[in-house]
Structures are given as C-alpha cells and as structure tokens.
Amino acid sequence: MGETLATLPSTVRSTVSGALGDPLRVFAEPGPVHEADVAFDDDARMPGLTQLLRPGRRYTTFVRIAPTSGRPVVRTVCVKFPDAYGPGSDQDFLFASSGDGAPLHHFAVPRSRADDQLYSSLWLYFAGIRPVVFGASASTGSQSGELGRGDRLDFLIGGIVGRFHRIGDIRLGSEIPQASVGFAASNSGGGLRPLPPAMFYRG
C-alpha cells in the first residue's frame, strides 16, 4: 500500500502517456535481452483467425526486460517473434507493469522489482475479430527482484472485461551481450492488429 500511494503521481503520468500513445517514451527504456522459448499450451483458449496464436505452437523469441533500476518505475517486457510472418516480418508485443482485469489492465504502475509482477499490453488488439488485451505474469525470479536466465513468465490474454487467463509460457534463456530489441506496434500481422493508442507505441 505504501509503495502504491508513493507512486500514485507517477502512475497517473505514465497511464496518461500510455493513453496518448506514449509521447513521454515511458515504455522505451533499454534493458537486457534474452533468447526465450515461447510455448502455447496444447489446451489454450485462443481467439481464432490468427497465424501466431495456435495451441501447441513453439517459438524462439527475443525478450527485453527493462529497466534495470531498483527504483519504483514502470517495468516493461518486450517480446519479439522474429520473422513470424516471413523474412523481416516480426510480431512484437510490449507489456507494462499493470493490474489484472478492467480497468486495472489499462494502468501503467511503477514497481520496484521486475519479478512477481503482472504485465499488460494496456490497450486493445484485434485478434481475428475479437478485441483482447495481452499480458504476462512473472513469478519470483531466481534472483529476487530480477528476471533472468531460467525464469518463466505466463503468457496471458484477456477480454475487454474480466481477468487474464494463461495461454502459454515464456522461458528466459541466456542473455545476449550488447543486444538491443526495439518495439514497434507496426510489427504485427497474421490477424493481430493493435488499436489506438497501442498502435502508436514505439520503444
């Protein structure tokens, strides 16, 4: 509760920036990049009409965890599916530390640790013809407060109302020295389409 009250002004600032397409670049902080395996559950409840979201599918991805600061800041997880739709045609997701269920999943909430957190895409995507919110849930990391090699996040999806549910997991592998991963909402396809304001996010 104390941290929540102390960070309330930052929460408001970050959430307003997110609602306006992130002109303050809250979601563009650099951070370490890991190779990561994404596996969608065999029995995952997925929207139809997308190429990427298929039960049982496995992908090798790149994941950026940012920032590295120990202060209460908005934390982000960027997941890049390279060449998801052909050479040079990636699928990017950006999740920010947030809450579970509407309206909480629209709020960008500063946190003092990267692990033991829920992350949200904040705003809606169309997955096929269905409006959804994506997210990730990180359990306690192997190094308290951090996420690194061997740690796991649940890959989540939710509707306009209601809470997130798991559709797969993200397993972090080795950190890639001096690597950088950028997010662009325009890196989307195969039946996935970000809606405003998420479609304007870069970082």
C-alpha atoms as a PDB file:
ATOM      1  CA  MET A   1       0.000   0.000   0.000  1.00  0.00           C
ATOM      2  CA  GLY A   2       2.838   2.389   0.894  1.00  0.00           C
ATOM      3  CA  GLU A   3       4.564   1.911  -2.453  1.00  0.00           C
ATOM      4  CA  THR A   4       1.240   2.287  -4.288  1.00  0.00           C
ATOM      5  CA  LEU A   5       0.496   5.635  -2.616  1.00  0.00           C
ATOM      6  CA  ALA A   6       4.049   6.893  -3.083  1.00  0.00           C
ATOM      7  CA  THR A   7       3.985   6.124  -6.797  1.00  0.00           C
ATOM      8  CA  LEU A   8       0.454   7.415  -7.483  1.00  0.00           C
ATOM      9  CA  PRO A   9       1.627  10.601  -9.278  1.00  0.00           C
ATOM     10  CA  SER A  10       3.946   8.516 -11.472  1.00  0.00           C
ATOM     11  CA  THR A  11       1.127   6.038 -12.159  1.00  0.00           C
ATOM     12  CA  VAL A  12      -1.128   8.852 -13.350  1.00  0.00           C
ATOM     13  CA  ARG A  13       1.636  10.366 -15.507  1.00  0.00           C
ATOM     14  CA  SER A  14       2.582   7.022 -17.074  1.00  0.00           C
ATOM     15  CA  THR A  15      -1.027   5.976 -17.670  1.00  0.00           C
ATOM     16  CA  VAL A  16      -1.899   9.292 -19.330  1.00  0.00           C
ATOM     17  CA  SER A  17       1.206   8.993 -21.519  1.00  0.00           C
ATOM     18  CA  GLY A  18       0.108   5.477 -22.479  1.00  0.00           C
ATOM     19  CA  ALA A  19      -3.401   6.667 -23.322  1.00  0.00           C
ATOM     20  CA  LEU A  20      -1.911   9.318 -25.627  1.00  0.00           C
ATOM     21  CA  GLY A  21       0.400   6.916 -27.477  1.00  0.00           C
ATOM     22  CA  ASP A  22       3.359   7.320 -25.071  1.00  0.00           C
ATOM     23  CA  PRO A  23       4.731  10.758 -26.042  1.00  0.00           C
ATOM     24  CA  LEU A  24       6.842  10.688 -22.846  1.00  0.00           C
ATOM     25  CA  ARG A  25       8.552   7.472 -24.012  1.00  0.00           C
ATOM     26  CA  VAL A  26       7.776   5.740 -20.716  1.00  0.00           C
ATOM     27  CA  PHE A  27       7.882   2.344 -22.442  1.00  0.00           C
ATOM     28  CA  ALA A  28      11.139   2.871 -24.359  1.00  0.00           C
ATOM     29  CA  GLU A  29      13.700   2.155 -21.627  1.00  0.00           C
ATOM     30  CA  PRO A  30      16.614  -0.121 -22.653  1.00  0.00           C
ATOM     31  CA  GLY A  31      17.323  -3.354 -20.824  1.00  0.00           C
ATOM     32  CA  PRO A  32      18.985  -6.757 -21.107  1.00  0.00           C
ATOM     33  CA  VAL A  33      17.853  -9.014 -23.945  1.00  0.00           C
ATOM     34  CA  HIS A  34      17.404 -12.777 -23.597  1.00  0.00           C
ATOM     35  CA  GLU A  35      16.742 -15.571 -26.002  1.00  0.00           C
ATOM     36  CA  ALA A  36      13.451 -17.094 -24.898  1.00  0.00           C
ATOM     37  CA  ASP A  37      11.216 -20.015 -25.781  1.00  0.00           C
ATOM     38  CA  VAL A  38       7.508 -19.266 -26.053  1.00  0.00           C
ATOM     39  CA  ALA A  39       5.228 -22.299 -25.894  1.00  0.00           C
ATOM     40  CA  PHE A  40       1.470 -22.033 -26.214  1.00  0.00           C
ATOM     41  CA  ASP A  41      -0.446 -24.608 -24.187  1.00  0.00           C
ATOM     42  CA  ASP A  42      -1.994 -27.538 -26.031  1.00  0.00           C
ATOM     43  CA  ASP A  43      -5.376 -26.724 -24.471  1.00  0.00           C
ATOM     44  CA  ALA A  44      -5.072 -22.922 -24.616  1.00  0.00           C
ATOM     45  CA  ARG A  45      -8.292 -20.981 -25.189  1.00  0.00           C
ATOM     46  CA  MET A  46      -7.238 -18.780 -28.098  1.00  0.00           C
ATOM     47  CA  PRO A  47      -9.036 -16.391 -30.445  1.00  0.00           C
ATOM     48  CA  GLY A  48      -9.433 -17.794 -33.931  1.00  0.00           C
ATOM     49  CA  LEU A  49      -8.252 -16.347 -37.237  1.00  0.00           C
ATOM     50  CA  THR A  50      -4.629 -15.634 -36.267  1.00  0.00           C
ATOM     51  CA  GLN A  51      -1.446 -17.235 -37.565  1.00  0.00           C
ATOM     52  CA  LEU A  52       0.594 -16.878 -34.373  1.00  0.00           C
ATOM     53  CA  LEU A  53      -1.852 -17.897 -31.646  1.00  0.00           C
ATOM     54  CA  ARG A  54      -2.229 -21.622 -32.138  1.00  0.00           C
ATOM     55  CA  PRO A  55      -2.443 -24.202 -29.327  1.00  0.00           C
ATOM     56  CA  GLY A  56       0.726 -26.259 -29.047  1.00  0.00           C
ATOM     57  CA  ARG A  57       2.897 -23.914 -31.114  1.00  0.00           C
ATOM     58  CA  ARG A  58       6.530 -23.276 -30.050  1.00  0.00           C
ATOM     59  CA  TYR A  59       8.626 -20.258 -30.963  1.00  0.00           C
ATOM     60  CA  THR A  60      12.139 -18.946 -30.355  1.00  0.00           C
ATOM     61  CA  THR A  61      11.904 -15.276 -29.449  1.00  0.00           C
ATOM     62  CA  PHE A  62      13.874 -12.362 -28.031  1.00  0.00           C
ATOM     63  CA  VAL A  63      12.731 -10.784 -24.767  1.00  0.00           C
ATOM     64  CA  ARG A  64      13.816  -7.443 -23.326  1.00  0.00           C
ATOM     65  CA  ILE A  65      13.315  -6.814 -19.596  1.00  0.00           C
ATOM     66  CA  ALA A  66      13.530  -3.101 -18.756  1.00  0.00           C
ATOM     67  CA  PRO A  67      14.722  -1.085 -17.000  1.00  0.00           C
ATOM     68  CA  THR A  68      17.410  -2.394 -14.642  1.00  0.00           C
ATOM     69  CA  SER A  69      16.768   0.273 -11.989  1.00  0.00           C
ATOM     70  CA  GLY A  70      15.837  -0.775  -8.455  1.00  0.00           C
ATOM     71  CA  ARG A  71      13.661   2.327  -8.028  1.00  0.00           C
ATOM     72  CA  PRO A  72       9.874   2.208  -8.472  1.00  0.00           C
ATOM     73  CA  VAL A  73       9.457   2.683 -12.230  1.00  0.00           C
ATOM     74  CA  VAL A  74       7.163   1.340 -14.932  1.00  0.00           C
ATOM     75  CA  ARG A  75       8.636  -2.021 -15.918  1.00  0.00           C
ATOM     76  CA  THR A  76       8.295  -3.463 -19.396  1.00  0.00           C
ATOM     77  CA  VAL A  77       8.618  -6.827 -21.079  1.00  0.00           C
ATOM     78  CA  CYS A  78       9.100  -6.673 -24.851  1.00  0.00           C
ATOM     79  CA  VAL A  79       8.661  -9.963 -26.737  1.00  0.00           C
ATOM     80  CA  LYS A  80       9.804 -10.153 -30.367  1.00  0.00           C
ATOM     81  CA  PHE A  81       8.850 -13.103 -32.572  1.00  0.00           C
ATOM     82  CA  PRO A  82      11.422 -12.707 -35.380  1.00  0.00           C
ATOM     83  CA  ASP A  83      10.269 -13.467 -38.930  1.00  0.00           C
ATOM     84  CA  ALA A  84       6.873 -14.586 -37.598  1.00  0.00           C
ATOM     85  CA  TYR A  85       5.214 -13.893 -40.951  1.00  0.00           C
ATOM     86  CA  GLY A  86       8.213 -14.302 -43.235  1.00  0.00           C
ATOM     87  CA  PRO A  87      11.736 -12.835 -43.505  1.00  0.00           C
ATOM     88  CA  GLY A  88      11.847  -9.411 -41.849  1.00  0.00           C
ATOM     89  CA  SER A  89       8.197  -9.545 -40.800  1.00  0.00           C
ATOM     90  CA  ASP A  90       8.207  -9.736 -36.995  1.00  0.00           C
ATOM     91  CA  GLN A  91       5.486  -9.825 -34.368  1.00  0.00           C
ATOM     92  CA  ASP A  92       6.185  -7.570 -31.379  1.00  0.00           C
ATOM     93  CA  PHE A  93       4.430  -7.378 -28.022  1.00  0.00           C
ATOM     94  CA  LEU A  94       5.057  -4.803 -25.303  1.00  0.00           C
ATOM     95  CA  PHE A  95       3.766  -5.356 -21.776  1.00  0.00           C
ATOM     96  CA  ALA A  96       3.986  -2.836 -18.903  1.00  0.00           C
ATOM     97  CA  SER A  97       3.669  -3.423 -15.161  1.00  0.00           C
ATOM     98  CA  SER A  98      -0.044  -3.151 -14.518  1.00  0.00           C
ATOM     99  CA  GLY A  99      -3.105  -4.747 -12.896  1.00  0.00           C
ATOM    100  CA  ASP A 100      -5.487  -7.617 -13.664  1.00  0.00           C
ATOM    101  CA  GLY A 101      -8.896  -7.004 -15.195  1.00  0.00           C
ATOM    102  CA  ALA A 102     -10.645  -3.894 -16.486  1.00  0.00           C
ATOM    103  CA  PRO A 103      -9.990  -1.096 -15.790  1.00  0.00           C
ATOM    104  CA  LEU A 104      -6.769  -2.059 -13.960  1.00  0.00           C
ATOM    105  CA  HIS A 105      -5.103  -3.509 -17.053  1.00  0.00           C
ATOM    106  CA  HIS A 106      -5.140   0.000 -18.596  1.00  0.00           C
ATOM    107  CA  PHE A 107      -2.946   1.447 -15.821  1.00  0.00           C
ATOM    108  CA  ALA A 108       0.867   1.584 -16.065  1.00  0.00           C
ATOM    109  CA  VAL A 109       2.011   1.068 -12.470  1.00  0.00           C
ATOM    110  CA  PRO A 110       5.582   1.745 -11.250  1.00  0.00           C
ATOM    111  CA  ARG A 111       7.159  -1.181  -9.403  1.00  0.00           C
ATOM    112  CA  SER A 112      10.466  -1.609  -7.589  1.00  0.00           C
ATOM    113  CA  ARG A 113      11.088  -5.141  -8.921  1.00  0.00           C
ATOM    114  CA  ALA A 114      10.755  -6.954 -12.237  1.00  0.00           C
ATOM    115  CA  ASP A 115       9.685 -10.345 -10.875  1.00  0.00           C
ATOM    116  CA  ASP A 116       6.481 -11.234  -9.008  1.00  0.00           C
ATOM    117  CA  GLN A 117       4.554  -8.847 -11.276  1.00  0.00           C
ATOM    118  CA  LEU A 118       1.702  -8.749 -13.736  1.00  0.00           C
ATOM    119  CA  TYR A 119       2.295  -7.014 -17.062  1.00  0.00           C
ATOM    120  CA  SER A 120      -0.299  -5.827 -19.585  1.00  0.00           C
ATOM    121  CA  SER A 121      -0.383  -4.528 -23.157  1.00  0.00           C
ATOM    122  CA  LEU A 122      -2.575  -1.803 -21.542  1.00  0.00           C
ATOM    123  CA  TRP A 123      -4.822  -1.331 -24.562  1.00  0.00           C
ATOM    124  CA  LEU A 124      -6.693  -3.470 -27.026  1.00  0.00           C
ATOM    125  CA  TYR A 125      -5.688  -5.567 -30.002  1.00  0.00           C
ATOM    126  CA  PHE A 126      -7.915  -7.260 -32.514  1.00  0.00           C
ATOM    127  CA  ALA A 127      -7.080 -10.964 -32.597  1.00  0.00           C
ATOM    128  CA  GLY A 128      -9.023 -12.052 -35.633  1.00  0.00           C
ATOM    129  CA  ILE A 129     -12.361 -10.342 -34.964  1.00  0.00           C
ATOM    130  CA  ARG A 130     -12.071 -10.426 -31.177  1.00  0.00           C
ATOM    131  CA  PRO A 131     -10.863  -7.446 -29.088  1.00  0.00           C
ATOM    132  CA  VAL A 132      -8.343  -8.651 -26.496  1.00  0.00           C
ATOM    133  CA  VAL A 133      -5.647  -7.486 -24.088  1.00  0.00           C
ATOM    134  CA  PHE A 134      -2.369  -9.409 -23.859  1.00  0.00           C
ATOM    135  CA  GLY A 135      -0.169  -9.744 -20.806  1.00  0.00           C
ATOM    136  CA  ALA A 136       2.443 -11.676 -18.892  1.00  0.00           C
ATOM    137  CA  SER A 137       2.745 -12.768 -15.282  1.00  0.00           C
ATOM    138  CA  ALA A 138       6.157 -13.216 -13.686  1.00  0.00           C
ATOM    139  CA  SER A 139       6.641 -15.325 -10.580  1.00  0.00           C
ATOM    140  CA  THR A 140       9.515 -14.790  -8.147  1.00  0.00           C
ATOM    141  CA  GLY A 141      12.796 -14.848 -10.055  1.00  0.00           C
ATOM    142  CA  SER A 142      15.849 -16.948  -9.328  1.00  0.00           C
ATOM    143  CA  GLN A 143      17.458 -13.680  -8.180  1.00  0.00           C
ATOM    144  CA  SER A 144      14.998 -11.769  -6.021  1.00  0.00           C
ATOM    145  CA  GLY A 145      13.678  -8.660  -7.731  1.00  0.00           C
ATOM    146  CA  GLU A 146      15.030  -9.578 -11.155  1.00  0.00           C
ATOM    147  CA  LEU A 147      14.171 -11.728 -14.151  1.00  0.00           C
ATOM    148  CA  GLY A 148      16.922 -13.663 -15.897  1.00  0.00           C
ATOM    149  CA  ARG A 149      18.053 -16.952 -17.346  1.00  0.00           C
ATOM    150  CA  GLY A 150      15.877 -19.881 -16.263  1.00  0.00           C
ATOM    151  CA  ASP A 151      12.973 -17.716 -15.104  1.00  0.00           C
ATOM    152  CA  ARG A 152       9.485 -18.135 -16.515  1.00  0.00           C
ATOM    153  CA  LEU A 153       6.537 -15.875 -17.258  1.00  0.00           C
ATOM    154  CA  ASP A 154       2.995 -16.932 -18.079  1.00  0.00           C
ATOM    155  CA  PHE A 155       1.730 -15.587 -21.413  1.00  0.00           C
ATOM    156  CA  LEU A 156      -1.760 -14.156 -20.802  1.00  0.00           C
ATOM    157  CA  ILE A 157      -4.808 -12.987 -22.708  1.00  0.00           C
ATOM    158  CA  GLY A 158      -7.979 -11.269 -21.550  1.00  0.00           C
ATOM    159  CA  GLY A 159     -11.130  -9.700 -22.908  1.00  0.00           C
ATOM    160  CA  ILE A 160     -12.461  -6.167 -22.682  1.00  0.00           C
ATOM    161  CA  VAL A 161     -13.829  -7.053 -19.260  1.00  0.00           C
ATOM    162  CA  GLY A 162     -12.789  -9.854 -16.940  1.00  0.00           C
ATOM    163  CA  ARG A 163      -9.397 -11.074 -15.893  1.00  0.00           C
ATOM    164  CA  PHE A 164      -6.441 -12.521 -17.741  1.00  0.00           C
ATOM    165  CA  HIS A 165      -6.015 -16.240 -18.289  1.00  0.00           C
ATOM    166  CA  ARG A 166      -2.922 -18.201 -19.252  1.00  0.00           C
ATOM    167  CA  ILE A 167      -2.365 -19.400 -22.813  1.00  0.00           C
ATOM    168  CA  GLY A 168       1.301 -20.404 -22.602  1.00  0.00           C
ATOM    169  CA  ASP A 169       4.648 -19.559 -21.099  1.00  0.00           C
ATOM    170  CA  ILE A 170       7.837 -17.638 -21.813  1.00  0.00           C
ATOM    171  CA  ARG A 171      11.069 -19.284 -20.622  1.00  0.00           C
ATOM    172  CA  LEU A 172      14.061 -16.973 -20.497  1.00  0.00           C
ATOM    173  CA  GLY A 173      17.342 -18.323 -21.806  1.00  0.00           C
ATOM    174  CA  SER A 174      20.785 -16.790 -21.962  1.00  0.00           C
ATOM    175  CA  GLU A 175      21.272 -13.050 -22.030  1.00  0.00           C
ATOM    176  CA  ILE A 176      22.657 -11.820 -25.347  1.00  0.00           C
ATOM    177  CA  PRO A 177      25.562  -9.441 -24.618  1.00  0.00           C
ATOM    178  CA  GLN A 178      25.205  -5.914 -26.023  1.00  0.00           C
ATOM    179  CA  ALA A 179      21.987  -6.840 -27.837  1.00  0.00           C
ATOM    180  CA  SER A 180      19.106  -4.428 -28.211  1.00  0.00           C
ATOM    181  CA  VAL A 181      15.490  -5.123 -29.057  1.00  0.00           C
ATOM    182  CA  GLY A 182      13.137  -2.375 -30.134  1.00  0.00           C
ATOM    183  CA  PHE A 183       9.359  -2.489 -30.114  1.00  0.00           C
ATOM    184  CA  ALA A 184       7.186  -1.186 -32.927  1.00  0.00           C
ATOM    185  CA  ALA A 185       3.438  -1.682 -32.859  1.00  0.00           C
ATOM    186  CA  SER A 186       3.574  -1.763 -36.658  1.00  0.00           C
ATOM    187  CA  ASN A 187       5.368  -5.120 -36.305  1.00  0.00           C
ATOM    188  CA  SER A 188       2.107  -7.005 -36.212  1.00  0.00           C
ATOM    189  CA  GLY A 189       0.155  -9.157 -38.616  1.00  0.00           C
ATOM    190  CA  GLY A 190      -1.370 -12.545 -39.231  1.00  0.00           C
ATOM    191  CA  GLY A 191      -4.728 -11.447 -37.860  1.00  0.00           C
ATOM    192  CA  LEU A 192      -3.271  -9.458 -34.924  1.00  0.00           C
ATOM    193  CA  ARG A 193      -3.817  -5.703 -35.056  1.00  0.00           C
ATOM    194  CA  PRO A 194      -3.117  -3.155 -32.290  1.00  0.00           C
ATOM    195  CA  LEU A 195      -5.773  -0.499 -31.823  1.00  0.00           C
ATOM    196  CA  PRO A 196      -5.213   3.119 -30.733  1.00  0.00           C
ATOM    197  CA  PRO A 197      -3.418   4.126 -28.596  1.00  0.00           C
ATOM    198  CA  ALA A 198      -1.293   0.928 -28.552  1.00  0.00           C
ATOM    199  CA  MET A 199      -0.773   1.173 -32.319  1.00  0.00           C
ATOM    200  CA  PHE A 200       1.360   4.297 -31.740  1.00  0.00           C
ATOM    201  CA  TYR A 201       3.769   2.743 -29.223  1.00  0.00           C
ATOM    202  CA  ARG A 202       7.463   2.624 -30.074  1.00  0.00           C
ATOM    203  CA  GLY A 203      10.454   1.788 -27.941  1.00  0.00           C
END
